[in-house]
Amino acid sequence: MRTLAVFVLGLSVASAQELTVGGRFSLPLTRAFDPSQGTLSLAQPLSGSRSYDSEGQRLVAGPAMNVFFRRTRGLGIEIGALHQRLRFNGKEVQFIPIAPGVEGSRGRSWSTSASVWEFPLLLKYRIPAGAFRPYIVAGPSLSRVFDIGQSLECFDFVSPCRRGSPAGEPLELRRRAFLGLAIGAGVEFNRKHLVSFAPEVRYVHYGARHFEEPSGLIRSGDRRLLLMVGVNLGSRIP
């Protein structure tokens, strides 16, 4: 995907009529984690429970570049990168019989965070003239997890609290990277002084998840709907 993007970028710039660079600022209309999170009762002989909660950074943002070709009216490509920070928390408690009618407890809680970067490579068609130019986009989008961190805290009824960072990958991690398909539509306006603004609605379907707990208590989304605003600075190439 990276090699393909570099090749397409070089070829496109060489034959470009118009080149713009800027940023995308997005508000997700879907949750970063599916609403399947909840509490699981643990099996005997040790009674207890496991539960999760989650949070996702509301703003998804990153750079983008558009290239429109010389001999194809309104046809171009968009290459970009979108970043979102995710976090989820888990807790497990077990109740242990100590004596008849007496129970103690032990358990652990953990917090996991990660940066998710999405790299779209989109074919773009835009109405070639006018102050208001509707457009559509479609193409592959690579989703990749970076900077995964986890902190752990353990406790029981006789020992003090212990904290640390566990070795290895989180239990909930399923796939670090996968491809999805993105489609979107928007309108670009106000080309005066080489600045344009472009509100857009974009849908991305992955068919895979970065995180999923084995019992299904928590799992990251396999699709997302974004309400985006693009700000572009550009010029025509002689």
Protein backbone atom coordinates (compact mmCIF):
# COMPACT_ATOMS: atom_id res chain seq x y z
CA MET A 1 0.00 0.00 0.00
CA ARG A 2 2.81 2.43 0.86
CA THR A 3 4.76 1.66 -2.33
CA LEU A 4 1.62 2.00 -4.42
CA ALA A 5 0.80 5.36 -2.82
CA VAL A 6 4.30 6.73 -3.50
CA PHE A 7 4.17 5.54 -7.13
CA VAL A 8 0.72 7.00 -7.73
CA LEU A 9 1.72 10.26 -6.05
CA GLY A 10 4.83 10.68 -8.21
CA LEU A 11 2.99 9.86 -11.42
CA SER A 12 0.10 12.15 -10.53
CA VAL A 13 2.23 15.17 -9.66
CA ALA A 14 4.14 14.78 -12.92
CA SER A 15 0.91 15.00 -14.95
CA ALA A 16 -0.98 17.38 -12.66
CA GLN A 17 -2.86 20.48 -13.67
CA GLU A 18 -3.91 21.44 -10.16
CA LEU A 19 -2.32 20.56 -6.82
CA THR A 20 -3.78 21.33 -3.39
CA VAL A 21 -2.59 20.55 0.12
CA GLY A 22 -4.47 21.02 3.35
CA GLY A 23 -6.17 19.25 6.19
CA ARG A 24 -9.25 17.22 7.06
CA PHE A 25 -11.12 17.72 10.32
CA SER A 26 -13.73 15.06 11.04
CA LEU A 27 -16.43 14.33 13.57
CA PRO A 28 -17.24 10.58 13.77
CA LEU A 29 -20.97 9.86 13.60
CA THR A 30 -20.35 6.26 14.66
CA ARG A 31 -18.81 4.97 17.89
CA ALA A 32 -15.16 3.98 18.10
CA PHE A 33 -16.30 0.83 19.97
CA ASP A 34 -19.47 -1.15 19.33
CA PRO A 35 -22.09 -0.94 22.12
CA SER A 36 -21.64 -4.61 23.03
CA GLN A 37 -19.60 -3.76 26.11
CA GLY A 38 -21.00 -4.97 29.41
CA THR A 39 -20.40 -7.34 32.30
CA LEU A 40 -19.58 -11.05 32.19
CA SER A 41 -20.20 -13.32 35.17
CA LEU A 42 -17.26 -15.63 35.83
CA ALA A 43 -17.81 -19.36 36.22
CA GLN A 44 -17.64 -21.35 39.44
CA PRO A 45 -15.85 -22.25 41.65
CA LEU A 46 -14.73 -18.60 41.70
CA SER A 47 -17.64 -16.20 41.38
CA GLY A 48 -17.05 -12.69 40.09
CA SER A 49 -17.34 -10.49 37.03
CA ARG A 50 -15.45 -8.83 34.18
CA SER A 51 -16.50 -5.51 32.66
CA TYR A 52 -15.32 -2.87 30.17
CA ASP A 53 -15.89 0.75 29.31
CA SER A 54 -14.40 2.79 26.49
CA GLU A 55 -13.81 6.23 25.08
CA GLY A 56 -12.75 7.53 21.68
CA GLN A 57 -11.29 10.89 20.78
CA ARG A 58 -14.07 12.81 19.10
CA LEU A 59 -11.91 14.70 16.61
CA VAL A 60 -10.36 12.80 13.71
CA ALA A 61 -7.89 14.96 11.81
CA GLY A 62 -4.91 14.88 9.50
CA PRO A 63 -3.26 16.18 6.31
CA ALA A 64 -4.49 15.61 2.76
CA MET A 65 -3.35 16.32 -0.78
CA ASN A 66 -5.42 16.51 -3.97
CA VAL A 67 -4.09 16.21 -7.51
CA PHE A 68 -6.22 16.89 -10.59
CA PHE A 69 -5.01 15.79 -14.02
CA ARG A 70 -4.48 17.83 -17.16
CA ARG A 71 -6.56 15.91 -19.69
CA THR A 72 -9.32 14.45 -17.54
CA ARG A 73 -11.96 17.02 -16.77
CA GLY A 74 -12.57 16.98 -13.03
CA LEU A 75 -10.81 13.67 -12.34
CA GLY A 76 -8.06 13.42 -9.72
CA ILE A 77 -6.84 11.61 -6.64
CA GLU A 78 -6.76 12.35 -2.92
CA ILE A 79 -4.10 11.01 -0.57
CA GLY A 80 -4.36 11.65 3.15
CA ALA A 81 -3.83 10.51 6.72
CA LEU A 82 -6.41 10.65 9.52
CA HIS A 83 -5.57 10.16 13.21
CA GLN A 84 -7.76 9.12 16.13
CA ARG A 85 -6.78 8.27 19.72
CA LEU A 86 -8.63 5.38 21.40
CA ARG A 87 -8.81 4.14 24.99
CA PHE A 88 -10.69 1.39 26.80
CA ASN A 89 -10.65 0.16 30.40
CA GLY A 90 -11.27 -3.30 31.84
CA LYS A 91 -11.88 -4.64 35.34
CA GLU A 92 -12.09 -8.19 36.69
CA VAL A 93 -13.08 -9.13 40.25
CA GLN A 94 -13.15 -12.63 41.80
CA PHE A 95 -14.65 -13.62 45.16
CA ILE A 96 -12.74 -16.35 46.99
CA PRO A 97 -14.15 -18.46 49.86
CA ILE A 98 -11.85 -18.15 52.89
CA ALA A 99 -13.97 -19.80 55.56
CA PRO A 100 -17.61 -20.86 55.84
CA GLY A 101 -19.64 -17.73 55.21
CA VAL A 102 -16.53 -15.58 54.64
CA GLU A 103 -15.26 -14.40 51.24
CA GLY A 104 -12.28 -12.38 50.13
CA SER A 105 -11.79 -10.66 46.80
CA ARG A 106 -9.01 -10.26 44.31
CA GLY A 107 -8.89 -8.72 40.89
CA ARG A 108 -7.23 -6.45 38.41
CA SER A 109 -8.00 -3.40 36.34
CA TRP A 110 -6.27 -2.26 33.17
CA SER A 111 -6.31 0.61 30.73
CA THR A 112 -5.34 0.29 27.06
CA SER A 113 -4.70 3.16 24.65
CA ALA A 114 -3.71 3.30 20.99
CA SER A 115 -3.34 5.64 18.03
CA VAL A 116 -5.25 4.64 14.91
CA TRP A 117 -4.07 6.09 11.60
CA GLU A 118 -6.09 5.76 8.42
CA PHE A 119 -4.42 6.28 5.03
CA PRO A 120 -6.96 6.76 2.21
CA LEU A 121 -5.97 6.63 -1.47
CA LEU A 122 -9.07 7.86 -3.28
CA LEU A 123 -10.15 8.47 -6.83
CA LYS A 124 -11.97 11.80 -6.94
CA TYR A 125 -14.35 13.31 -9.47
CA ARG A 126 -15.25 16.99 -9.11
CA ILE A 127 -17.42 19.22 -11.30
CA PRO A 128 -14.66 21.08 -13.17
CA ALA A 129 -16.06 24.63 -13.12
CA GLY A 130 -18.06 26.94 -10.90
CA ALA A 131 -17.87 28.47 -7.44
CA PHE A 132 -19.66 25.46 -5.91
CA ARG A 133 -18.29 22.15 -7.18
CA PRO A 134 -19.84 18.90 -5.93
CA TYR A 135 -17.55 15.86 -5.87
CA ILE A 136 -17.47 12.17 -5.06
CA VAL A 137 -14.59 10.00 -3.81
CA ALA A 138 -14.00 6.26 -3.61
CA GLY A 139 -11.05 3.96 -3.03
CA PRO A 140 -9.06 1.83 -0.57
CA SER A 141 -8.17 3.03 2.91
CA LEU A 142 -5.52 1.42 5.10
CA SER A 143 -6.18 1.42 8.86
CA ARG A 144 -3.15 0.87 11.11
CA VAL A 145 -2.70 0.84 14.91
CA PHE A 146 0.39 2.46 16.42
CA ASP A 147 1.62 3.31 19.90
CA ILE A 148 -0.31 0.68 21.86
CA GLY A 149 0.10 1.10 25.61
CA GLN A 150 -1.39 -0.72 28.59
CA SER A 151 -1.22 -0.15 32.33
CA LEU A 152 -2.23 -2.80 34.88
CA GLU A 153 -3.25 -2.62 38.53
CA CYS A 154 -3.80 -5.75 40.67
CA PHE A 155 -5.25 -6.19 44.15
CA ASP A 156 -6.31 -8.91 46.57
CA PHE A 157 -7.55 -9.13 50.14
CA VAL A 158 -4.12 -9.56 51.76
CA SER A 159 -1.62 -7.84 49.47
CA PRO A 160 -1.14 -4.16 48.71
CA CYS A 161 -1.94 -2.72 45.30
CA ARG A 162 0.53 -3.56 42.53
CA ARG A 163 0.91 -1.54 39.36
CA GLY A 164 2.84 -2.03 36.16
CA SER A 165 2.86 -2.43 32.40
CA PRO A 166 2.37 -6.02 31.23
CA ALA A 167 4.74 -7.49 28.67
CA GLY A 168 3.43 -8.49 25.27
CA GLU A 169 0.39 -7.35 23.35
CA PRO A 170 -3.03 -6.73 24.91
CA LEU A 171 -5.38 -9.71 25.00
CA GLU A 172 -7.97 -7.70 23.08
CA LEU A 173 -5.70 -6.87 20.10
CA ARG A 174 -6.82 -8.72 16.98
CA ARG A 175 -5.24 -7.06 13.94
CA ARG A 176 -2.82 -4.16 13.68
CA ALA A 177 -3.58 -3.32 10.05
CA PHE A 178 -6.17 -4.01 7.38
CA LEU A 179 -7.68 -2.45 4.26
CA GLY A 180 -11.13 -0.93 4.00
CA LEU A 181 -13.24 0.69 1.31
CA ALA A 182 -14.10 4.39 1.55
CA ILE A 183 -16.80 6.27 -0.36
CA GLY A 184 -17.87 9.86 0.12
CA ALA A 185 -19.52 12.94 -1.33
CA GLY A 186 -19.12 16.64 -0.70
CA VAL A 187 -19.01 20.09 -2.21
CA GLU A 188 -16.01 22.38 -2.64
CA PHE A 189 -16.53 26.13 -2.58
CA ASN A 190 -14.82 29.52 -2.26
CA ARG A 191 -11.82 29.18 -4.56
CA LYS A 192 -11.00 32.86 -4.16
CA HIS A 193 -7.38 33.54 -3.23
CA LEU A 194 -6.57 29.84 -3.83
CA VAL A 195 -8.33 28.74 -0.63
CA SER A 196 -11.20 26.25 -0.69
CA PHE A 197 -13.44 24.66 1.92
CA ALA A 198 -15.03 21.27 1.39
CA PRO A 199 -17.66 19.76 3.71
CA GLU A 200 -17.99 16.02 3.08
CA VAL A 201 -19.72 12.90 4.35
CA ARG A 202 -17.54 9.79 4.13
CA TYR A 203 -18.30 6.15 4.92
CA VAL A 204 -15.56 3.55 5.46
CA HIS A 205 -16.19 -0.21 5.73
CA TYR A 206 -13.34 -2.41 7.00
CA GLY A 207 -14.78 -5.87 7.61
CA ALA A 208 -12.20 -6.36 10.40
CA ARG A 209 -11.50 -5.01 13.88
CA HIS A 210 -8.38 -3.82 15.66
CA PHE A 211 -9.62 -4.82 19.13
CA GLU A 212 -12.06 -7.50 20.28
CA GLU A 213 -12.32 -9.20 23.69
CA PRO A 214 -12.72 -13.01 23.32
CA SER A 215 -16.12 -12.99 25.05
CA GLY A 216 -17.33 -10.06 22.94
CA LEU A 217 -17.60 -7.65 25.87
CA ILE A 218 -15.85 -4.93 23.90
CA ARG A 219 -14.81 -4.58 20.28
CA SER A 220 -13.72 -1.72 18.08
CA GLY A 221 -15.93 -0.75 15.16
CA ASP A 222 -15.55 -2.33 11.73
CA ARG A 223 -17.03 0.69 9.94
CA ARG A 224 -17.37 4.39 10.47
CA LEU A 225 -19.26 7.39 9.17
CA LEU A 226 -17.46 10.74 9.21
CA LEU A 227 -18.71 14.29 8.88
CA MET A 228 -15.67 16.10 7.50
CA VAL A 229 -14.52 19.61 6.65
CA GLY A 230 -11.54 20.04 4.35
CA VAL A 231 -9.40 23.17 4.07
CA ASN A 232 -7.24 23.28 0.94
CA LEU A 233 -4.53 25.60 -0.32
CA GLY A 234 -3.65 25.10 -3.97
CA SER A 235 -2.62 26.40 -7.34
CA ARG A 236 -2.81 25.53 -11.00
CA ILE A 237 0.36 24.15 -12.55
CA PRO A 238 1.37 25.63 -15.94
